[in-house]
Structures are given as structure tokens and as C-alpha cells.
Amino acid sequence: MMFSKRSTRTRISTEGAVVQMGGHPMFLGKDDIQLGVNESLYDTAVVVSSMVECIVARVGKHADVADLAKHSTKPVINALCDSYHPLQAIADFQTISEHFAASGKGKLEGLGLNGLKIAWVGDANNVLFDMAISARKMGVDVAVATPKGYEIPKEMLEIIEKAGEGVKSPGKLVQTNVPEEAVKGADVLVTDTWVSMGQEEEAAKRLRDFAGFQITSELAKRGGAKEGWRFMHCLPRHPEEVADEVFYGHRSLVFPEAENRLWAAISALEGFVVNKGKIQ
């Protein structure tokens, strides 16, 4: 486990998954290893992969984890980068699938829920990007509401669009700057931090820009969310992002979502390490 960014859920879930599967996790934080600084990524990938069965990397630039994967002789799992957070996406859709399968909503096809609508209200970040990519593949619609200037970048929109190629009924993605428009008809309301790691110097400006984007029961009612709507957040949560009434209320799936990070890590390790890349 090579983490150049701090972590709570990702570290605990990954270490827990390795232990439950009979392995031994080794953690290297930013003070133990500086990827690409004292040693090239090529050298690091070749040496480390010769001694372990898998590398789980939590990095800044996506290019770093891509380089590790390119030169490693063992599987490399992306535990977060500036563009993606795939383990979170697995946990998110497992949570959605578990809830709506139990409630009888929609027709399940694997983890997909064709026709389901997710409303994302807040910053367009790596968690959203992977959620939108996965949703498009599974026929789930995503409506994104961000302040002006915080929309999904063009290059990421192209990646999300491409994810639907070959899918019979790909999910639709729409963007707006009005939260009420995004939540209309939504089954799930989602948000995340407004200030991601590395954006601390922008905090004051971001808090001003995101005023009015807090998820509340009133917003859901005003915008016309589905009667049985639910709420999700990958954590850590800050009060300005979502009201207590929602976060701790009966509509919240936040804590089952967090627990599913463990099962997401287990599924990734099982698929790439135990089953040698044969994903079920």
C-alpha cells in the first residue's frame, strides 16, 4: 500500500480486506516513500512488485498510478487519484443496488439499475467522475449541479461519453448550475466535500461559491426528488455540504456505503490477485 495522500476509510478497508483474505498489508505513507522524487516510478514499480502480490496506490496525478501499473509485474489497484476513485464507485453502486433491490425498485441486471436517477449536487471531482462512468455503463442517469466554473472538464466528459459505447441503453448525463433542476425526479441525492485535498488555499472562495448547494430536505422537496429518495456521501462530511436532518436521517445510506468500502476492496483484491484478473 503506497499512499501519498492521507486516508481513513481507504486505508482501513484495504488493510482489513487483506487481513480477512489471509494476507499481510504493508503501508508506506508519504513520509516513507515519495513517488517519483527520490526514485523513479519505473524503479519503484519494478522493485516493489518483485516482492509483493499487489500494489494499492493512493496518489495525486493519475499519470503516477498509470506509470506504476505500466511497469509493475503485479496488479496495481487505484485507491484514489485526482481523476478517479474506483473503489468508492464499487461501494457506491453496491450500496445503491442493495437498497433498491430490497425495496423492489427497478430491474436489477448485475449491479445495474436501469432507469434509476442520481443527482449530484456540489463539486465535480474524482468521485463524481467514476460514478458517472459506472452509471453510464449500467443505464443509470446522472444529473450534476455545480456552481458556474466548477463543471466537469471537457476531457472527462469525453471519457464518460465513451463509457457508454456498446451499451444497449447507456445512462444519460446532464449538467446544470441549479440544484433544483438536478434533483428533479432523482432517486438518490449525492454530494462530497467542496474542498478536496490540495485545495485548502481555495477554501474561502469555494465556500462562497458553493453557497446554496447544501443538500437539505427542503431542496429535495422544492426540486421534486422522488418520494423515496435516499442520500449518499463518501465521507468525510462537513455540515455545509448536507444538513444534519438528511445526513443522520432515515434517508441516509452513508454508513452502509462506508462499510461497503471493505467489500469493494475485497472484490478488487479477489478479482485481480486471487483470480488473476478474471473479474466475476
Protein backbone atom coordinates (compact mmCIF):
# COMPACT_ATOMS: atom_id res chain seq x y z
CA MET A 1 0.00 0.00 0.00
CA MET A 2 1.69 3.19 -1.20
CA PHE A 3 -0.27 6.27 -0.11
CA SER A 4 0.98 9.77 -0.87
CA LYS A 5 -2.33 11.21 0.41
CA ARG A 6 -3.86 10.83 3.87
CA SER A 7 -6.66 8.32 4.25
CA THR A 8 -9.10 6.86 6.77
CA ARG A 9 -11.68 4.64 5.05
CA THR A 10 -9.45 3.60 2.16
CA ARG A 11 -6.58 2.56 4.39
CA ILE A 12 -8.71 0.75 6.97
CA SER A 13 -10.86 -1.01 4.38
CA THR A 14 -7.87 -2.13 2.31
CA GLU A 15 -5.83 -3.33 5.27
CA GLY A 16 -8.91 -5.06 6.66
CA ALA A 17 -9.60 -6.73 3.33
CA VAL A 18 -6.04 -8.05 3.04
CA VAL A 19 -6.12 -9.43 6.59
CA GLN A 20 -9.53 -11.06 6.10
CA MET A 21 -8.21 -12.75 2.96
CA GLY A 22 -5.19 -14.13 4.83
CA GLY A 23 -2.62 -11.64 3.60
CA HIS A 24 -0.29 -9.18 5.29
CA PRO A 25 -0.71 -5.48 4.43
CA MET A 26 2.37 -3.23 4.36
CA PHE A 27 1.67 0.51 4.49
CA LEU A 28 4.01 3.17 3.10
CA GLY A 29 2.83 6.74 3.70
CA LYS A 30 4.13 9.96 2.19
CA ASP A 31 6.91 10.11 4.78
CA ASP A 32 8.04 6.58 3.88
CA ILE A 33 8.04 6.85 0.11
CA GLN A 34 7.87 9.85 -2.23
CA LEU A 35 6.74 8.51 -5.56
CA GLY A 36 8.88 9.79 -8.39
CA VAL A 37 11.02 12.03 -6.14
CA ASN A 38 13.93 10.07 -4.67
CA GLU A 39 13.44 7.20 -7.09
CA SER A 40 11.79 6.96 -10.48
CA LEU A 41 8.32 5.44 -10.74
CA TYR A 42 9.80 2.82 -13.05
CA ASP A 43 12.35 1.71 -10.46
CA THR A 44 9.77 1.75 -7.67
CA ALA A 45 7.28 -0.31 -9.66
CA VAL A 46 9.84 -2.92 -10.71
CA VAL A 47 11.37 -3.35 -7.26
CA VAL A 48 8.20 -3.29 -5.15
CA SER A 49 6.27 -5.60 -7.50
CA SER A 50 9.07 -8.17 -7.25
CA MET A 51 8.38 -8.50 -3.52
CA VAL A 52 4.58 -8.35 -3.19
CA GLU A 53 1.43 -9.78 -4.78
CA CYS A 54 -0.30 -6.44 -5.38
CA ILE A 55 0.27 -2.69 -5.16
CA VAL A 56 -2.53 -0.44 -3.90
CA ALA A 57 -1.66 3.17 -4.71
CA ARG A 58 -3.28 6.39 -3.49
CA VAL A 59 -1.65 9.24 -5.39
CA GLY A 60 -2.11 12.74 -6.76
CA LYS A 61 -1.75 12.60 -10.53
CA HIS A 62 -3.45 9.81 -12.45
CA ALA A 63 -0.27 9.54 -14.52
CA ASP A 64 1.56 8.27 -11.43
CA VAL A 65 -0.71 5.29 -10.83
CA ALA A 66 -0.78 4.62 -14.59
CA ASP A 67 3.04 4.52 -14.67
CA LEU A 68 3.12 2.17 -11.70
CA ALA A 69 0.68 -0.15 -13.47
CA LYS A 70 2.66 0.03 -16.71
CA HIS A 71 5.93 -1.10 -15.13
CA SER A 72 4.71 -3.33 -12.29
CA THR A 73 4.78 -7.09 -12.75
CA LYS A 74 1.89 -7.44 -10.28
CA PRO A 75 -1.63 -5.92 -10.25
CA VAL A 76 -1.90 -2.23 -9.31
CA ILE A 77 -5.17 -1.05 -7.75
CA ASN A 78 -6.04 2.65 -7.86
CA ALA A 79 -7.00 3.69 -4.33
CA LEU A 80 -7.60 7.30 -5.46
CA CYS A 81 -6.01 9.80 -7.81
CA ASP A 82 -7.02 13.26 -9.00
CA SER A 83 -9.22 11.81 -11.76
CA TYR A 84 -10.69 8.61 -10.35
CA HIS A 85 -11.75 6.77 -7.20
CA PRO A 86 -12.84 3.32 -8.45
CA LEU A 87 -13.06 1.58 -5.07
CA GLN A 88 -15.53 4.26 -3.97
CA ALA A 89 -17.59 3.73 -7.14
CA ILE A 90 -17.81 -0.01 -6.42
CA ALA A 91 -19.01 0.69 -2.88
CA ASP A 92 -21.48 3.32 -4.09
CA PHE A 93 -23.19 1.08 -6.61
CA GLN A 94 -23.16 -1.88 -4.25
CA THR A 95 -24.99 0.33 -1.74
CA ILE A 96 -27.49 1.56 -4.32
CA SER A 97 -28.05 -1.95 -5.60
CA GLU A 98 -28.59 -3.39 -2.12
CA HIS A 99 -31.08 -0.70 -1.15
CA PHE A 100 -33.16 -0.53 -4.30
CA ALA A 101 -33.13 -4.29 -4.84
CA ALA A 102 -34.52 -4.70 -1.32
CA SER A 103 -37.16 -2.02 -1.94
CA GLY A 104 -38.17 -3.55 -5.28
CA LYS A 105 -37.18 -0.51 -7.36
CA GLY A 106 -36.31 -1.30 -10.96
CA LYS A 107 -35.00 -4.44 -12.60
CA LEU A 108 -31.57 -5.49 -11.47
CA GLU A 109 -29.07 -6.51 -14.11
CA GLY A 110 -25.89 -7.31 -12.20
CA LEU A 111 -25.21 -4.14 -10.25
CA GLY A 112 -27.08 -2.01 -12.79
CA LEU A 113 -30.41 -0.33 -12.14
CA ASN A 114 -31.74 0.78 -15.49
CA GLY A 115 -33.73 3.99 -15.26
CA LEU A 116 -32.50 4.99 -11.81
CA LYS A 117 -31.55 8.65 -11.45
CA ILE A 118 -28.72 10.03 -9.32
CA ALA A 119 -28.49 13.75 -8.55
CA TRP A 120 -25.02 15.02 -7.69
CA VAL A 121 -25.05 18.44 -6.01
CA GLY A 122 -21.66 20.01 -5.31
CA ASP A 123 -18.15 19.92 -6.72
CA ALA A 124 -17.30 17.93 -9.86
CA ASN A 125 -14.48 15.74 -8.59
CA ASN A 126 -12.90 12.31 -8.94
CA VAL A 127 -15.69 10.55 -7.01
CA LEU A 128 -18.28 12.01 -9.38
CA PHE A 129 -16.20 11.13 -12.44
CA ASP A 130 -16.04 7.42 -11.58
CA MET A 131 -19.69 7.42 -10.52
CA ALA A 132 -20.71 8.92 -13.88
CA ILE A 133 -18.55 6.46 -15.83
CA SER A 134 -20.05 3.49 -13.97
CA ALA A 135 -23.58 4.86 -14.20
CA ARG A 136 -23.34 5.26 -17.96
CA LYS A 137 -22.32 1.62 -18.31
CA MET A 138 -25.23 0.47 -16.14
CA GLY A 139 -28.03 2.56 -17.60
CA VAL A 140 -28.26 4.91 -14.62
CA ASP A 141 -28.92 8.60 -15.31
CA VAL A 142 -26.83 11.25 -13.54
CA ALA A 143 -27.75 14.93 -13.18
CA VAL A 144 -24.94 17.14 -11.92
CA ALA A 145 -25.43 20.57 -10.32
CA THR A 146 -22.31 22.67 -9.74
CA PRO A 147 -21.68 26.41 -9.46
CA LYS A 148 -20.56 28.08 -12.67
CA GLY A 149 -16.90 27.39 -13.29
CA TYR A 150 -16.92 24.06 -11.43
CA GLU A 151 -18.43 21.85 -14.14
CA ILE A 152 -17.00 18.54 -15.34
CA PRO A 153 -13.94 19.23 -17.55
CA LYS A 154 -14.33 18.64 -21.28
CA GLU A 155 -11.75 15.84 -21.40
CA MET A 156 -13.57 13.96 -18.62
CA LEU A 157 -16.92 14.44 -20.37
CA GLU A 158 -15.42 12.68 -23.38
CA ILE A 159 -14.28 9.76 -21.21
CA ILE A 160 -17.73 9.48 -19.62
CA GLU A 161 -19.39 9.59 -23.04
CA LYS A 162 -17.09 6.86 -24.35
CA ALA A 163 -18.00 4.62 -21.40
CA GLY A 164 -21.43 4.12 -22.94
CA GLU A 165 -20.12 2.66 -26.19
CA GLY A 166 -21.55 -0.81 -26.81
CA VAL A 167 -24.13 -0.44 -24.03
CA LYS A 168 -27.70 -1.07 -25.17
CA SER A 169 -29.24 1.67 -23.01
CA PRO A 170 -26.45 3.80 -21.53
CA GLY A 171 -27.21 6.20 -18.71
CA LYS A 172 -27.60 9.87 -19.57
CA LEU A 173 -25.51 12.68 -18.09
CA VAL A 174 -26.77 16.24 -17.80
CA GLN A 175 -25.22 19.30 -16.13
CA THR A 176 -26.79 22.38 -14.62
CA ASN A 177 -25.90 25.22 -12.28
CA VAL A 178 -29.26 24.96 -10.48
CA PRO A 179 -29.53 22.31 -7.72
CA GLU A 180 -33.32 22.09 -8.01
CA GLU A 181 -33.03 21.10 -11.66
CA ALA A 182 -30.65 18.26 -10.83
CA VAL A 183 -32.73 16.73 -8.03
CA LYS A 184 -35.98 16.65 -10.03
CA GLY A 185 -37.13 13.04 -10.21
CA ALA A 186 -33.96 11.78 -8.51
CA ASP A 187 -33.85 8.51 -6.58
CA VAL A 188 -30.51 9.23 -4.92
CA LEU A 189 -29.00 12.59 -3.89
CA VAL A 190 -25.22 12.64 -3.55
CA THR A 191 -22.60 15.18 -2.56
CA ASP A 192 -18.98 15.26 -1.45
CA THR A 193 -16.51 17.70 0.05
CA TRP A 194 -16.37 21.14 -1.53
CA VAL A 195 -12.65 21.42 -0.72
CA SER A 196 -10.64 18.38 -1.77
CA MET A 197 -7.11 17.53 -0.62
CA GLY A 198 -4.70 20.01 -2.16
CA GLN A 199 -7.35 22.75 -2.48
CA GLU A 200 -7.02 24.14 1.03
CA GLU A 201 -5.84 27.54 -0.20
CA GLU A 202 -9.08 27.86 -2.20
CA ALA A 203 -11.30 27.03 0.78
CA ALA A 204 -12.70 30.51 1.47
CA LYS A 205 -13.57 31.13 -2.18
CA ARG A 206 -15.09 27.70 -2.61
CA LEU A 207 -17.30 28.09 0.44
CA ARG A 208 -18.63 31.35 -1.03
CA ASP A 209 -19.13 29.86 -4.50
CA PHE A 210 -20.96 26.77 -3.22
CA ALA A 211 -23.41 28.71 -1.05
CA GLY A 212 -26.90 27.40 -1.85
CA PHE A 213 -25.67 23.92 -2.80
CA GLN A 214 -26.23 22.28 0.59
CA ILE A 215 -28.44 19.19 0.38
CA THR A 216 -31.50 19.57 2.60
CA SER A 217 -34.96 18.04 2.77
CA GLU A 218 -36.31 21.39 1.58
CA LEU A 219 -34.10 21.29 -1.52
CA ALA A 220 -35.33 17.78 -2.33
CA LYS A 221 -38.95 18.87 -1.88
CA ARG A 222 -38.52 22.11 -3.82
CA GLY A 223 -36.76 20.35 -6.68
CA GLY A 224 -39.17 17.43 -6.83
CA ALA A 225 -37.00 14.44 -5.89
CA LYS A 226 -38.73 11.05 -5.82
CA GLU A 227 -40.81 10.39 -2.71
CA GLY A 228 -38.47 7.63 -1.55
CA TRP A 229 -35.20 9.41 -2.32
CA ARG A 230 -32.05 8.45 -0.46
CA PHE A 231 -28.81 10.26 0.35
CA MET A 232 -25.15 9.26 -0.04
CA HIS A 233 -21.77 10.84 0.78
CA CYS A 234 -18.33 9.18 0.56
CA LEU A 235 -17.05 11.00 3.68
CA PRO A 236 -15.56 12.88 5.40
CA ARG A 237 -18.60 15.13 5.63
CA HIS A 238 -18.79 18.81 6.55
CA PRO A 239 -22.05 20.45 7.74
CA GLU A 240 -22.13 22.99 4.90
CA GLU A 241 -22.44 20.15 2.35
CA VAL A 242 -25.51 18.44 3.81
CA ALA A 243 -27.86 19.22 6.70
CA ASP A 244 -27.87 17.01 9.79
CA GLU A 245 -31.53 16.14 9.17
CA VAL A 246 -30.52 14.42 5.94
CA PHE A 247 -27.10 13.07 6.90
CA TYR A 248 -28.35 11.40 10.10
CA GLY A 249 -31.94 10.89 8.96
CA HIS A 250 -33.82 7.84 7.70
CA ARG A 251 -32.99 8.65 4.08
CA SER A 252 -29.24 8.37 4.62
CA LEU A 253 -27.27 5.41 3.25
CA VAL A 254 -23.96 6.96 4.31
CA PHE A 255 -22.86 4.41 6.88
CA PRO A 256 -23.78 1.27 4.87
CA GLU A 257 -21.97 2.99 1.98
CA ALA A 258 -18.86 3.41 4.15
CA GLU A 259 -18.99 -0.22 5.32
CA ASN A 260 -19.18 -1.35 1.70
CA ARG A 261 -15.72 0.10 1.15
CA LEU A 262 -14.45 -3.07 2.84
CA TRP A 263 -16.35 -5.31 0.42
CA ALA A 264 -15.22 -3.17 -2.51
CA ALA A 265 -11.59 -3.73 -1.51
CA ILE A 266 -12.18 -7.46 -1.06
CA SER A 267 -13.80 -7.71 -4.50
CA ALA A 268 -10.89 -5.89 -6.16
CA LEU A 269 -8.26 -8.00 -4.43
CA GLU A 270 -10.14 -11.20 -5.17
CA GLY A 271 -10.54 -10.28 -8.83
CA PHE A 272 -7.02 -9.06 -9.53
CA VAL A 273 -4.92 -11.12 -7.10
CA VAL A 274 -6.76 -14.34 -6.24
CA ASN A 275 -8.46 -14.81 -9.62
CA LYS A 276 -5.58 -13.32 -11.62
CA GLY A 277 -7.71 -10.71 -13.35
CA LYS A 278 -10.77 -12.86 -14.02
CA ILE A 279 -13.42 -10.49 -12.70
CA GLN A 280 -16.78 -12.04 -11.84
